N, C-alpha and C. Protein backbone atom coordinates (compact mmCIF):
# COMPACT_ATOMS: atom_id res chain seq x y z
N MET A 1 -13.61 -25.59 -6.49
CA MET A 1 -13.35 -24.49 -5.82
C MET A 1 -11.80 -24.01 -5.77
N ALA A 2 -11.63 -22.48 -6.35
CA ALA A 2 -10.35 -22.35 -6.34
C ALA A 2 -9.88 -21.03 -5.54
N THR A 3 -8.87 -21.49 -5.24
CA THR A 3 -8.15 -20.57 -3.63
C THR A 3 -7.31 -19.46 -4.34
N LYS A 4 -7.90 -18.70 -3.60
CA LYS A 4 -7.00 -17.33 -3.13
C LYS A 4 -5.75 -17.46 -3.57
N ALA A 5 -5.62 -16.45 -4.88
CA ALA A 5 -2.92 -16.47 -4.58
C ALA A 5 -2.95 -15.37 -3.08
N LYS A 6 -1.87 -15.80 -2.70
CA LYS A 6 -1.24 -15.28 -2.10
C LYS A 6 0.15 -14.26 -3.03
N LEU A 7 -0.41 -13.25 -2.49
CA LEU A 7 0.57 -12.12 -3.34
C LEU A 7 1.50 -11.43 -2.99
N ILE A 8 2.43 -11.63 -3.57
CA ILE A 8 3.85 -11.47 -3.30
C ILE A 8 4.32 -10.83 -3.67
N THR A 9 4.57 -9.60 -2.73
CA THR A 9 6.13 -8.07 -2.93
C THR A 9 7.11 -8.37 -2.95
N LYS A 10 7.89 -7.54 -3.93
CA LYS A 10 9.18 -7.56 -3.49
C LYS A 10 9.80 -6.55 -3.12
N VAL A 11 10.83 -6.15 -2.36
CA VAL A 11 11.14 -5.01 -1.89
C VAL A 11 12.67 -5.31 -2.56
N ASP A 12 13.16 -3.48 -3.13
CA ASP A 12 13.86 -2.97 -3.81
C ASP A 12 14.45 -2.50 -2.75
N VAL A 13 15.50 -3.05 -2.29
CA VAL A 13 16.66 -3.01 -1.51
C VAL A 13 17.70 -2.10 -2.07
N LYS A 14 18.59 -2.26 -2.88
CA LYS A 14 19.40 -1.02 -3.96
C LYS A 14 18.58 0.19 -3.92
N GLY A 15 17.07 0.53 -4.42
CA GLY A 15 16.76 1.72 -4.51
C GLY A 15 16.30 2.05 -3.02
N THR A 16 16.15 1.15 -2.34
CA THR A 16 15.84 2.07 -1.03
C THR A 16 16.96 2.44 -0.69
N LEU A 17 18.09 2.25 -0.35
CA LEU A 17 19.04 2.68 0.08
C LEU A 17 19.62 3.69 -0.34
N LEU A 18 19.35 3.73 -2.30
CA LEU A 18 19.91 4.56 -3.00
C LEU A 18 18.78 6.21 -2.35
N ASN A 19 17.90 5.91 -1.96
CA ASN A 19 17.22 6.58 -1.75
C ASN A 19 17.12 7.33 -0.17
N ILE A 20 17.95 6.89 0.06
CA ILE A 20 18.39 7.51 1.61
C ILE A 20 19.43 8.82 1.35
N LYS A 21 19.04 9.86 1.95
CA LYS A 21 20.05 11.50 1.68
C LYS A 21 20.82 10.88 2.62
N PRO A 22 22.86 11.57 1.94
CA PRO A 22 23.47 11.18 2.84
C PRO A 22 23.96 11.80 4.16
N GLY A 23 24.22 11.53 4.75
CA GLY A 23 23.99 11.98 6.54
C GLY A 23 22.62 12.04 7.04
N GLU A 24 21.62 11.12 6.47
CA GLU A 24 20.56 10.57 6.95
C GLU A 24 20.92 9.07 7.67
N SER A 25 19.69 8.80 9.33
CA SER A 25 19.75 7.74 9.23
C SER A 25 18.46 6.69 9.25
N VAL A 26 18.31 5.79 8.88
CA VAL A 26 17.20 5.04 8.55
C VAL A 26 16.96 3.72 9.19
N ILE A 27 15.95 3.40 10.19
CA ILE A 27 15.80 2.40 10.56
C ILE A 27 14.08 1.40 9.81
N PHE A 28 15.47 0.35 9.78
CA PHE A 28 14.15 -1.04 8.58
C PHE A 28 13.88 -2.29 10.11
N LYS A 29 12.63 -2.17 9.83
CA LYS A 29 12.14 -3.32 10.57
C LYS A 29 12.67 -4.40 9.66
N THR A 30 13.07 -5.99 10.33
CA THR A 30 13.48 -6.85 10.00
C THR A 30 12.80 -7.74 9.28
N LYS A 31 11.46 -7.56 9.23
CA LYS A 31 10.55 -8.36 8.93
C LYS A 31 10.19 -7.34 7.35
N ASP A 32 10.23 -6.65 7.45
CA ASP A 32 10.37 -5.61 5.98
C ASP A 32 11.62 -6.43 5.15
N ILE A 33 12.69 -6.02 5.90
CA ILE A 33 13.62 -6.05 5.05
C ILE A 33 14.31 -7.23 6.32
N LYS A 34 15.14 -7.98 5.19
CA LYS A 34 15.61 -8.95 6.56
C LYS A 34 17.29 -8.27 6.33
N ALA A 35 17.59 -8.30 7.53
CA ALA A 35 19.55 -7.71 7.76
C ALA A 35 20.45 -8.20 7.09
N ASN A 36 20.45 -9.51 6.65
CA ASN A 36 22.03 -9.83 5.46
C ASN A 36 20.98 -9.75 4.19
N ASN A 37 19.78 -9.25 3.77
CA ASN A 37 20.18 -8.60 2.19
C ASN A 37 20.59 -6.50 2.64
N ILE A 38 19.98 -5.98 3.51
CA ILE A 38 20.90 -5.41 3.87
C ILE A 38 21.78 -5.08 3.27
N ARG A 39 22.99 -6.41 4.48
CA ARG A 39 23.95 -5.80 4.65
C ARG A 39 25.28 -6.17 3.39
N SER A 40 24.51 -7.12 2.69
CA SER A 40 24.65 -7.48 1.30
C SER A 40 25.16 -6.53 0.64
N ILE A 41 23.74 -5.72 0.07
CA ILE A 41 23.31 -4.65 -0.55
C ILE A 41 24.39 -3.41 -0.52
N ALA A 42 24.49 -3.52 0.87
CA ALA A 42 25.35 -1.81 1.13
C ALA A 42 27.08 -2.06 0.78
N ARG A 43 27.07 -3.42 1.50
CA ARG A 43 28.83 -4.19 1.13
C ARG A 43 28.68 -3.61 -0.57
N TYR A 44 27.93 -3.99 -1.77
CA TYR A 44 27.78 -3.89 -2.96
C TYR A 44 28.00 -2.24 -2.91
N LEU A 45 26.95 -1.60 -2.77
CA LEU A 45 27.22 -0.06 -2.97
C LEU A 45 28.07 0.53 -2.49
N ASN A 46 29.16 -0.09 -1.24
CA ASN A 46 30.33 0.54 -0.81
C ASN A 46 31.01 0.28 -1.30
N GLN A 47 31.34 -0.48 -2.69
CA GLN A 47 32.45 -0.71 -3.60
C GLN A 47 32.23 0.12 -4.85
N GLU A 48 30.72 -0.16 -5.19
CA GLU A 48 30.53 1.02 -6.38
C GLU A 48 30.97 2.69 -5.65
N GLY A 49 31.21 3.21 -4.30
CA GLY A 49 31.22 4.40 -4.47
C GLY A 49 30.79 4.71 -3.48
N TYR A 50 29.68 4.54 -3.19
CA TYR A 50 28.79 5.50 -2.26
C TYR A 50 29.18 5.03 -0.77
N LEU A 51 28.71 5.10 0.04
CA LEU A 51 29.23 4.42 1.89
C LEU A 51 28.17 4.65 2.72
N PHE A 52 27.29 3.39 2.85
CA PHE A 52 26.56 2.91 3.94
C PHE A 52 27.23 2.61 5.63
N LYS A 53 26.51 2.68 6.26
CA LYS A 53 26.83 1.71 7.53
C LYS A 53 25.68 1.23 8.60
N PRO A 54 25.73 0.33 7.96
CA PRO A 54 24.44 -1.04 8.73
C PRO A 54 25.03 -1.47 9.67
N THR A 55 23.71 -1.38 10.78
CA THR A 55 24.43 -1.76 12.61
C THR A 55 23.14 -2.03 12.94
N GLU A 56 22.77 -3.26 13.55
CA GLU A 56 21.75 -3.27 14.77
C GLU A 56 22.31 -3.59 16.09
N VAL A 57 23.49 -2.90 16.58
CA VAL A 57 24.09 -2.73 17.70
C VAL A 57 22.69 -2.14 18.64
N GLY A 58 22.08 -2.47 19.77
CA GLY A 58 20.99 -1.82 20.37
C GLY A 58 19.56 -2.02 19.75
N LEU A 59 19.08 -2.99 18.60
CA LEU A 59 18.42 -2.46 18.57
C LEU A 59 17.86 -3.68 18.41
N ILE A 60 16.47 -3.94 18.75
CA ILE A 60 16.14 -5.46 18.63
C ILE A 60 15.08 -6.18 17.27
N ASP A 61 14.61 -6.42 16.58
CA ASP A 61 13.90 -6.79 15.35
C ASP A 61 14.20 -5.22 14.52
N GLU A 62 15.53 -4.62 14.40
CA GLU A 62 14.83 -3.43 13.23
C GLU A 62 16.56 -3.32 13.00
N MET A 63 17.09 -2.22 12.08
CA MET A 63 18.13 -1.85 11.53
C MET A 63 18.10 -0.59 11.04
N LYS A 64 19.91 -0.07 11.45
CA LYS A 64 19.33 1.43 11.89
C LYS A 64 21.11 1.26 10.47
N VAL A 65 20.48 2.15 9.10
CA VAL A 65 21.61 2.22 8.36
C VAL A 65 21.55 3.66 8.09
N THR A 66 22.75 4.14 7.85
CA THR A 66 23.28 5.69 7.78
C THR A 66 23.97 5.51 6.52
N ARG A 67 23.91 6.70 6.13
CA ARG A 67 24.60 6.78 4.43
C ARG A 67 24.94 8.04 4.46
N ILE A 68 26.31 7.78 4.86
CA ILE A 68 27.82 8.79 4.66
C ILE A 68 28.23 9.32 3.44
N LYS A 69 27.93 8.88 2.66
CA LYS A 69 28.63 9.49 1.08
C LYS A 69 27.57 9.11 0.26
C-alpha cells in the first residue's frame, strides 16, 4: 500500500518583502516564515538599497516588518 506524500510549499521571503509598499507595515506569523529568515533577507535587501525594519518587540509568535524605502 502506497502512502501519500506530504506536499511542501516554500515561501518566497524576498519576493514577499519586496511586495510591501514603502511606508507600510506587515505582521507575519512565525509559523509561516521564521524570524531568522525575515531578518537575514531584510538585511540583504538593506544592503541592496531598500530599507526594511523587522521587529518582534511586544509581539508573541509574530514579527512586524516595516518598509521605509
